[in-house]
Each structure stands twice: as structure tokens, then as C-alpha cells.
Amino acid sequence: FKEFKMHEQIENEYIIGLLQQRSQTIYNVHSDNKLSEMLSLFEKGLKNVKNECEQLNYAKQLKERLEAFTRDFLPHMKEEEEVF
């Protein structure tokens, strides 16, 4: 029983702590809603762009936002992959 008790103590103090830390990291990462914002912008543009001028403005805005999203999101993905 001493070995079992020691195992449970190690599990409770160390392993559960690591799992809680990983869980918090994933929660923080997924609380970021940038992907939903990008999808919304894309859908909005498809529905609302009427003429050529609006298409050009939308294309420019979408390109800028997509580049910023990619710059921000790649480190986010790397952080998630490192957790697991």
C-alpha cells in the first residue's frame, strides 16, 4: 500500500498539475476568436460586395487581414503543438 500511496501522491502533485497547466494553456489559446473573425469577414464580403469598386476594397481589406491573421496564428498553432 505504501507504493500505491506514493504513486497517487506523485500523480496528484505532479501529473495532475501538468494536466491542469496544459488545460489552461489550451483554454487561453482557444479563447482567442481570430479564426471566427476571419471567417465572418470572408462570409460578409461574399454576401455584401456588389460592384467592382467594392470588390477591390474588400479584396485589399481581406488581404491585409489575412496576412495579419497568418502572422498571429502561426505562433498560436506552434504553441498548441508544443503543449502536446
PDB file of N, CA and C in Angstrom:
ATOM      1  N   PHE A   1       0.814  -1.214   0.000  1.00  0.00           N
ATOM      2  CA  PHE A   1       0.000   0.000   0.000  1.00  0.00           C
ATOM      3  C   PHE A   1       0.848   1.265   0.000  1.00  0.00           C
ATOM      4  N   LYS A   2       2.054   1.187   0.550  1.00  0.00           N
ATOM      5  CA  LYS A   2       2.923   2.366   0.545  1.00  0.00           C
ATOM      6  C   LYS A   2       3.250   2.779  -0.885  1.00  0.00           C
ATOM      7  N   GLU A   3       3.524   1.781  -1.734  1.00  0.00           N
ATOM      8  CA  GLU A   3       3.853   2.082  -3.125  1.00  0.00           C
ATOM      9  C   GLU A   3       2.656   2.713  -3.841  1.00  0.00           C
ATOM     10  N   PHE A   4       1.475   2.160  -3.599  1.00  0.00           N
ATOM     11  CA  PHE A   4       0.265   2.716  -4.199  1.00  0.00           C
ATOM     12  C   PHE A   4       0.025   4.142  -3.716  1.00  0.00           C
ATOM     13  N   LYS A   5       0.200   4.367  -2.425  1.00  0.00           N
ATOM     14  CA  LYS A   5       0.008   5.704  -1.855  1.00  0.00           C
ATOM     15  C   LYS A   5       1.009   6.689  -2.451  1.00  0.00           C
ATOM     16  N   MET A   6       2.263   6.254  -2.616  1.00  0.00           N
ATOM     17  CA  MET A   6       3.293   7.119  -3.198  1.00  0.00           C
ATOM     18  C   MET A   6       2.945   7.439  -4.655  1.00  0.00           C
ATOM     19  N   HIS A   7       2.469   6.417  -5.376  1.00  0.00           N
ATOM     20  CA  HIS A   7       2.068   6.615  -6.767  1.00  0.00           C
ATOM     21  C   HIS A   7       0.959   7.667  -6.857  1.00  0.00           C
ATOM     22  N   GLU A   8      -0.042   7.555  -6.021  1.00  0.00           N
ATOM     23  CA  GLU A   8      -1.150   8.503  -6.015  1.00  0.00           C
ATOM     24  C   GLU A   8      -0.689   9.910  -5.648  1.00  0.00           C
ATOM     25  N   GLN A   9       0.244   9.997  -4.729  1.00  0.00           N
ATOM     26  CA  GLN A   9       0.761  11.301  -4.319  1.00  0.00           C
ATOM     27  C   GLN A   9       1.505  11.963  -5.476  1.00  0.00           C
ATOM     28  N   ILE A  10       2.347  11.188  -6.148  1.00  0.00           N
ATOM     29  CA  ILE A  10       3.076  11.719  -7.311  1.00  0.00           C
ATOM     30  C   ILE A  10       2.077  12.140  -8.387  1.00  0.00           C
ATOM     31  N   GLU A  11       1.104  11.284  -8.631  1.00  0.00           N
ATOM     32  CA  GLU A  11       0.096  11.599  -9.637  1.00  0.00           C
ATOM     33  C   GLU A  11      -0.641  12.889  -9.293  1.00  0.00           C
ATOM     34  N   ASN A  12      -1.063  13.018  -8.072  1.00  0.00           N
ATOM     35  CA  ASN A  12      -1.823  14.197  -7.661  1.00  0.00           C
ATOM     36  C   ASN A  12      -0.994  15.467  -7.706  1.00  0.00           C
ATOM     37  N   GLU A  13       0.233  15.395  -7.281  1.00  0.00           N
ATOM     38  CA  GLU A  13       1.054  16.603  -7.200  1.00  0.00           C
ATOM     39  C   GLU A  13       1.677  16.978  -8.532  1.00  0.00           C
ATOM     40  N   TYR A  14       2.144  16.012  -9.269  1.00  0.00           N
ATOM     41  CA  TYR A  14       2.915  16.321 -10.463  1.00  0.00           C
ATOM     42  C   TYR A  14       2.083  16.194 -11.744  1.00  0.00           C
ATOM     43  N   ILE A  15       1.552  15.027 -11.979  1.00  0.00           N
ATOM     44  CA  ILE A  15       0.865  14.769 -13.244  1.00  0.00           C
ATOM     45  C   ILE A  15      -0.396  15.616 -13.373  1.00  0.00           C
ATOM     46  N   ILE A  16      -1.203  15.662 -12.340  1.00  0.00           N
ATOM     47  CA  ILE A  16      -2.426  16.470 -12.392  1.00  0.00           C
ATOM     48  C   ILE A  16      -2.081  17.947 -12.570  1.00  0.00           C
ATOM     49  N   GLY A  17      -1.015  18.390 -11.914  1.00  0.00           N
ATOM     50  CA  GLY A  17      -0.565  19.778 -12.085  1.00  0.00           C
ATOM     51  C   GLY A  17      -0.202  20.084 -13.526  1.00  0.00           C
ATOM     52  N   LEU A  18       0.526  19.161 -14.157  1.00  0.00           N
ATOM     53  CA  LEU A  18       0.884  19.350 -15.567  1.00  0.00           C
ATOM     54  C   LEU A  18      -0.355  19.370 -16.461  1.00  0.00           C
ATOM     55  N   LEU A  19      -1.279  18.472 -16.186  1.00  0.00           N
ATOM     56  CA  LEU A  19      -2.509  18.443 -16.987  1.00  0.00           C
ATOM     57  C   LEU A  19      -3.323  19.721 -16.818  1.00  0.00           C
ATOM     58  N   GLN A  20      -3.385  20.226 -15.596  1.00  0.00           N
ATOM     59  CA  GLN A  20      -4.108  21.480 -15.368  1.00  0.00           C
ATOM     60  C   GLN A  20      -3.436  22.631 -16.106  1.00  0.00           C
ATOM     61  N   GLN A  21      -2.111  22.640 -16.083  1.00  0.00           N
ATOM     62  CA  GLN A  21      -1.368  23.694 -16.780  1.00  0.00           C
ATOM     63  C   GLN A  21      -1.626  23.613 -18.283  1.00  0.00           C
ATOM     64  N   ARG A  22      -1.573  22.420 -18.835  1.00  0.00           N
ATOM     65  CA  ARG A  22      -1.842  22.252 -20.268  1.00  0.00           C
ATOM     66  C   ARG A  22      -3.273  22.660 -20.605  1.00  0.00           C
ATOM     67  N   SER A  23      -4.191  22.256 -19.767  1.00  0.00           N
ATOM     68  CA  SER A  23      -5.592  22.594 -19.985  1.00  0.00           C
ATOM     69  C   SER A  23      -5.789  24.108 -19.991  1.00  0.00           C
ATOM     70  N   GLN A  24      -5.161  24.806 -19.066  1.00  0.00           N
ATOM     71  CA  GLN A  24      -5.277  26.266 -19.003  1.00  0.00           C
ATOM     72  C   GLN A  24      -4.670  26.912 -20.243  1.00  0.00           C
ATOM     73  N   THR A  25      -3.540  26.372 -20.698  1.00  0.00           N
ATOM     74  CA  THR A  25      -2.904  26.911 -21.904  1.00  0.00           C
ATOM     75  C   THR A  25      -3.825  26.760 -23.103  1.00  0.00           C
ATOM     76  N   ILE A  26      -4.411  25.581 -23.257  1.00  0.00           N
ATOM     77  CA  ILE A  26      -5.320  25.343 -24.381  1.00  0.00           C
ATOM     78  C   ILE A  26      -6.552  26.229 -24.266  1.00  0.00           C
ATOM     79  N   TYR A  27      -7.072  26.380 -23.060  1.00  0.00           N
ATOM     80  CA  TYR A  27      -8.233  27.246 -22.859  1.00  0.00           C
ATOM     81  C   TYR A  27      -7.902  28.675 -23.275  1.00  0.00           C
ATOM     82  N   ASN A  28      -6.738  29.165 -22.854  1.00  0.00           N
ATOM     83  CA  ASN A  28      -6.337  30.531 -23.200  1.00  0.00           C
ATOM     84  C   ASN A  28      -6.171  30.689 -24.703  1.00  0.00           C
ATOM     85  N   VAL A  29      -5.594  29.684 -25.328  1.00  0.00           N
ATOM     86  CA  VAL A  29      -5.375  29.745 -26.769  1.00  0.00           C
ATOM     87  C   VAL A  29      -6.706  29.760 -27.507  1.00  0.00           C
ATOM     88  N   HIS A  30      -7.646  28.939 -27.061  1.00  0.00           N
ATOM     89  CA  HIS A  30      -8.917  28.854 -27.770  1.00  0.00           C
ATOM     90  C   HIS A  30      -9.902  29.946 -27.381  1.00  0.00           C
ATOM     91  N   SER A  31      -9.562  30.728 -26.381  1.00  0.00           N
ATOM     92  CA  SER A  31     -10.423  31.866 -26.075  1.00  0.00           C
ATOM     93  C   SER A  31     -10.213  32.979 -27.095  1.00  0.00           C
ATOM     94  N   ASP A  32      -9.151  32.843 -27.872  1.00  0.00           N
ATOM     95  CA  ASP A  32      -8.860  33.797 -28.928  1.00  0.00           C
ATOM     96  C   ASP A  32      -9.756  33.462 -30.114  1.00  0.00           C
ATOM     97  N   ASN A  33     -10.510  34.435 -30.593  1.00  0.00           N
ATOM     98  CA  ASN A  33     -11.543  34.162 -31.575  1.00  0.00           C
ATOM     99  C   ASN A  33     -11.184  34.692 -32.959  1.00  0.00           C
ATOM    100  N   LYS A  34      -9.910  34.761 -33.285  1.00  0.00           N
ATOM    101  CA  LYS A  34      -9.487  35.357 -34.550  1.00  0.00           C
ATOM    102  C   LYS A  34      -9.928  34.546 -35.763  1.00  0.00           C
ATOM    103  N   LEU A  35      -9.965  33.237 -35.630  1.00  0.00           N
ATOM    104  CA  LEU A  35     -10.396  32.412 -36.753  1.00  0.00           C
ATOM    105  C   LEU A  35     -11.856  32.698 -37.096  1.00  0.00           C
ATOM    106  N   SER A  36     -12.694  32.797 -36.090  1.00  0.00           N
ATOM    107  CA  SER A  36     -14.110  33.122 -36.324  1.00  0.00           C
ATOM    108  C   SER A  36     -14.257  34.494 -36.961  1.00  0.00           C
ATOM    109  N   GLU A  37     -13.440  35.445 -36.526  1.00  0.00           N
ATOM    110  CA  GLU A  37     -13.486  36.789 -37.116  1.00  0.00           C
ATOM    111  C   GLU A  37     -13.122  36.746 -38.595  1.00  0.00           C
ATOM    112  N   MET A  38     -12.110  35.955 -38.948  1.00  0.00           N
ATOM    113  CA  MET A  38     -11.708  35.858 -40.349  1.00  0.00           C
ATOM    114  C   MET A  38     -12.809  35.209 -41.181  1.00  0.00           C
ATOM    115  N   LEU A  39     -13.403  34.158 -40.677  1.00  0.00           N
ATOM    116  CA  LEU A  39     -14.489  33.502 -41.414  1.00  0.00           C
ATOM    117  C   LEU A  39     -15.670  34.443 -41.598  1.00  0.00           C
ATOM    118  N   SER A  40     -15.968  35.215 -40.570  1.00  0.00           N
ATOM    119  CA  SER A  40     -17.064  36.180 -40.645  1.00  0.00           C
ATOM    120  C   SER A  40     -16.774  37.252 -41.694  1.00  0.00           C
ATOM    121  N   LEU A  41     -15.551  37.758 -41.709  1.00  0.00           N
ATOM    122  CA  LEU A  41     -15.165  38.760 -42.703  1.00  0.00           C
ATOM    123  C   LEU A  41     -15.298  38.188 -44.112  1.00  0.00           C
ATOM    124  N   PHE A  42     -14.868  36.966 -44.294  1.00  0.00           N
ATOM    125  CA  PHE A  42     -14.949  36.323 -45.602  1.00  0.00           C
ATOM    126  C   PHE A  42     -16.406  36.170 -46.047  1.00  0.00           C
ATOM    127  N   GLU A  43     -17.251  35.657 -45.151  1.00  0.00           N
ATOM    128  CA  GLU A  43     -18.667  35.474 -45.485  1.00  0.00           C
ATOM    129  C   GLU A  43     -19.359  36.807 -45.752  1.00  0.00           C
ATOM    130  N   LYS A  44     -19.034  37.810 -44.942  1.00  0.00           N
ATOM    131  CA  LYS A  44     -19.625  39.141 -45.109  1.00  0.00           C
ATOM    132  C   LYS A  44     -19.281  39.708 -46.482  1.00  0.00           C
ATOM    133  N   GLY A  45     -18.038  39.543 -46.878  1.00  0.00           N
ATOM    134  CA  GLY A  45     -17.611  40.043 -48.181  1.00  0.00           C
ATOM    135  C   GLY A  45     -18.318  39.346 -49.327  1.00  0.00           C
ATOM    136  N   LEU A  46     -18.498  38.057 -49.190  1.00  0.00           N
ATOM    137  CA  LEU A  46     -19.182  37.321 -50.256  1.00  0.00           C
ATOM    138  C   LEU A  46     -20.632  37.763 -50.405  1.00  0.00           C
ATOM    139  N   LYS A  47     -21.269  38.113 -49.301  1.00  0.00           N
ATOM    140  CA  LYS A  47     -22.687  38.496 -49.331  1.00  0.00           C
ATOM    141  C   LYS A  47     -22.899  39.958 -49.720  1.00  0.00           C
ATOM    142  N   ASN A  48     -21.993  40.846 -49.314  1.00  0.00           N
ATOM    143  CA  ASN A  48     -22.255  42.281 -49.406  1.00  0.00           C
ATOM    144  C   ASN A  48     -21.567  43.009 -50.550  1.00  0.00           C
ATOM    145  N   VAL A  49     -20.583  42.417 -51.177  1.00  0.00           N
ATOM    146  CA  VAL A  49     -19.849  43.109 -52.238  1.00  0.00           C
ATOM    147  C   VAL A  49     -20.706  43.119 -53.504  1.00  0.00           C
ATOM    148  N   LYS A  50     -20.957  44.332 -53.988  1.00  0.00           N
ATOM    149  CA  LYS A  50     -21.884  44.475 -55.120  1.00  0.00           C
ATOM    150  C   LYS A  50     -21.177  44.842 -56.434  1.00  0.00           C
ATOM    151  N   ASN A  51     -20.348  45.869 -56.389  1.00  0.00           N
ATOM    152  CA  ASN A  51     -19.747  46.340 -57.639  1.00  0.00           C
ATOM    153  C   ASN A  51     -18.227  46.167 -57.609  1.00  0.00           C
ATOM    154  N   GLU A  52     -17.593  46.546 -58.719  1.00  0.00           N
ATOM    155  CA  GLU A  52     -16.151  46.337 -58.864  1.00  0.00           C
ATOM    156  C   GLU A  52     -15.343  47.125 -57.839  1.00  0.00           C
ATOM    157  N   CYS A  53     -15.749  48.342 -57.548  1.00  0.00           N
ATOM    158  CA  CYS A  53     -15.042  49.165 -56.561  1.00  0.00           C
ATOM    159  C   CYS A  53     -15.097  48.510 -55.179  1.00  0.00           C
ATOM    160  N   GLU A  54     -16.274  48.035 -54.806  1.00  0.00           N
ATOM    161  CA  GLU A  54     -16.418  47.346 -53.524  1.00  0.00           C
ATOM    162  C   GLU A  54     -15.589  46.064 -53.499  1.00  0.00           C
ATOM    163  N   GLN A  55     -15.534  45.375 -54.635  1.00  0.00           N
ATOM    164  CA  GLN A  55     -14.733  44.154 -54.715  1.00  0.00           C
ATOM    165  C   GLN A  55     -13.260  44.450 -54.474  1.00  0.00           C
ATOM    166  N   LEU A  56     -12.763  45.525 -55.088  1.00  0.00           N
ATOM    167  CA  LEU A  56     -11.354  45.890 -54.915  1.00  0.00           C
ATOM    168  C   LEU A  56     -11.060  46.289 -53.473  1.00  0.00           C
ATOM    169  N   ASN A  57     -11.941  47.089 -52.882  1.00  0.00           N
ATOM    170  CA  ASN A  57     -11.752  47.484 -51.484  1.00  0.00           C
ATOM    171  C   ASN A  57     -11.803  46.274 -50.556  1.00  0.00           C
ATOM    172  N   TYR A  58     -12.762  45.403 -50.810  1.00  0.00           N
ATOM    173  CA  TYR A  58     -12.889  44.204 -49.988  1.00  0.00           C
ATOM    174  C   TYR A  58     -11.658  43.312 -50.148  1.00  0.00           C
ATOM    175  N   ALA A  59     -11.193  43.146 -51.376  1.00  0.00           N
ATOM    176  CA  ALA A  59     -10.019  42.302 -51.624  1.00  0.00           C
ATOM    177  C   ALA A  59      -8.795  42.846 -50.887  1.00  0.00           C
ATOM    178  N   LYS A  60      -8.627  44.161 -50.907  1.00  0.00           N
ATOM    179  CA  LYS A  60      -7.497  44.775 -50.205  1.00  0.00           C
ATOM    180  C   LYS A  60      -7.619  44.552 -48.696  1.00  0.00           C
ATOM    181  N   GLN A  61      -8.807  44.793 -48.158  1.00  0.00           N
ATOM    182  CA  GLN A  61      -9.023  44.607 -46.723  1.00  0.00           C
ATOM    183  C   GLN A  61      -8.821  43.140 -46.333  1.00  0.00           C
ATOM    184  N   LEU A  62      -9.351  42.242 -47.135  1.00  0.00           N
ATOM    185  CA  LEU A  62      -9.222  40.817 -46.840  1.00  0.00           C
ATOM    186  C   LEU A  62      -7.759  40.384 -46.875  1.00  0.00           C
ATOM    187  N   LYS A  63      -7.015  40.869 -47.850  1.00  0.00           N
ATOM    188  CA  LYS A  63      -5.590  40.524 -47.957  1.00  0.00           C
ATOM    189  C   LYS A  63      -4.830  40.998 -46.726  1.00  0.00           C
ATOM    190  N   GLU A  64      -5.057  42.238 -46.314  1.00  0.00           N
ATOM    191  CA  GLU A  64      -4.366  42.781 -45.138  1.00  0.00           C
ATOM    192  C   GLU A  64      -4.712  41.996 -43.875  1.00  0.00           C
ATOM    193  N   ARG A  65      -5.996  41.723 -43.702  1.00  0.00           N
ATOM    194  CA  ARG A  65      -6.434  40.993 -42.503  1.00  0.00           C
ATOM    195  C   ARG A  65      -5.927  39.555 -42.514  1.00  0.00           C
ATOM    196  N   LEU A  66      -5.903  38.935 -43.694  1.00  0.00           N
ATOM    197  CA  LEU A  66      -5.426  37.562 -43.793  1.00  0.00           C
ATOM    198  C   LEU A  66      -3.931  37.475 -43.499  1.00  0.00           C
ATOM    199  N   GLU A  67      -3.167  38.442 -43.978  1.00  0.00           N
ATOM    200  CA  GLU A  67      -1.732  38.465 -43.679  1.00  0.00           C
ATOM    201  C   GLU A  67      -1.490  38.652 -42.183  1.00  0.00           C
ATOM    202  N   ALA A  68      -2.226  39.559 -41.559  1.00  0.00           N
ATOM    203  CA  ALA A  68      -2.088  39.778 -40.113  1.00  0.00           C
ATOM    204  C   ALA A  68      -2.515  38.530 -39.342  1.00  0.00           C
ATOM    205  N   PHE A  69      -3.604  37.924 -39.783  1.00  0.00           N
ATOM    206  CA  PHE A  69      -4.086  36.704 -39.137  1.00  0.00           C
ATOM    207  C   PHE A  69      -3.030  35.605 -39.208  1.00  0.00           C
ATOM    208  N   THR A  70      -2.438  35.419 -40.372  1.00  0.00           N
ATOM    209  CA  THR A  70      -1.425  34.378 -40.552  1.00  0.00           C
ATOM    210  C   THR A  70      -0.215  34.642 -39.669  1.00  0.00           C
ATOM    211  N   ARG A  71       0.225  35.886 -39.607  1.00  0.00           N
ATOM    212  CA  ARG A  71       1.361  36.242 -38.736  1.00  0.00           C
ATOM    213  C   ARG A  71       1.069  35.910 -37.277  1.00  0.00           C
ATOM    214  N   ASP A  72      -0.152  36.188 -36.843  1.00  0.00           N
ATOM    215  CA  ASP A  72      -0.527  35.951 -35.447  1.00  0.00           C
ATOM    216  C   ASP A  72      -0.853  34.490 -35.173  1.00  0.00           C
ATOM    217  N   PHE A  73      -1.465  33.823 -36.143  1.00  0.00           N
ATOM    218  CA  PHE A  73      -1.994  32.486 -35.896  1.00  0.00           C
ATOM    219  C   PHE A  73      -0.925  31.402 -35.949  1.00  0.00           C
ATOM    220  N   LEU A  74       0.110  31.574 -36.765  1.00  0.00           N
ATOM    221  CA  LEU A  74       1.152  30.547 -36.841  1.00  0.00           C
ATOM    222  C   LEU A  74       1.842  30.325 -35.499  1.00  0.00           C
ATOM    223  N   PRO A  75       2.223  31.378 -34.768  1.00  0.00           N
ATOM    224  CA  PRO A  75       2.788  31.140 -33.429  1.00  0.00           C
ATOM    225  C   PRO A  75       1.781  30.479 -32.488  1.00  0.00           C
ATOM    226  N   HIS A  76       0.521  30.818 -32.637  1.00  0.00           N
ATOM    227  CA  HIS A  76      -0.547  30.220 -31.837  1.00  0.00           C
ATOM    228  C   HIS A  76      -0.608  28.708 -32.088  1.00  0.00           C
ATOM    229  N   MET A  77      -0.528  28.302 -33.342  1.00  0.00           N
ATOM    230  CA  MET A  77      -0.548  26.884 -33.673  1.00  0.00           C
ATOM    231  C   MET A  77       0.686  26.186 -33.121  1.00  0.00           C
ATOM    232  N   LYS A  78       1.836  26.832 -33.223  1.00  0.00           N
ATOM    233  CA  LYS A  78       3.075  26.248 -32.705  1.00  0.00           C
ATOM    234  C   LYS A  78       2.975  26.044 -31.192  1.00  0.00           C
ATOM    235  N   GLU A  79       2.422  27.024 -30.493  1.00  0.00           N
ATOM    236  CA  GLU A  79       2.263  26.912 -29.043  1.00  0.00           C
ATOM    237  C   GLU A  79       1.386  25.718 -28.694  1.00  0.00           C
ATOM    238  N   GLU A  80       0.301  25.539 -29.423  1.00  0.00           N
ATOM    239  CA  GLU A  80      -0.581  24.394 -29.182  1.00  0.00           C
ATOM    240  C   GLU A  80       0.137  23.084 -29.423  1.00  0.00           C
ATOM    241  N   GLU A  81       0.893  23.011 -30.511  1.00  0.00           N
ATOM    242  CA  GLU A  81       1.603  21.775 -30.833  1.00  0.00           C
ATOM    243  C   GLU A  81       2.654  21.449 -29.782  1.00  0.00           C
ATOM    244  N   GLU A  82       3.294  22.467 -29.212  1.00  0.00           N
ATOM    245  CA  GLU A  82       4.306  22.236 -28.186  1.00  0.00           C
ATOM    246  C   GLU A  82       3.697  21.707 -26.896  1.00  0.00           C
ATOM    247  N   VAL A  83       2.454  22.078 -26.627  1.00  0.00           N
ATOM    248  CA  VAL A  83       1.793  21.604 -25.414  1.00  0.00           C
ATOM    249  C   VAL A  83       1.593  20.098 -25.488  1.00  0.00           C
ATOM    250  N   PHE A  84       1.280  19.607 -26.681  1.00  0.00           N
ATOM    251  CA  PHE A  84       1.061  18.173 -26.830  1.00  0.00           C
ATOM    252  C   PHE A  84       2.231  17.548 -27.531  1.00  0.00           C
TER     253      PHE A  84
END
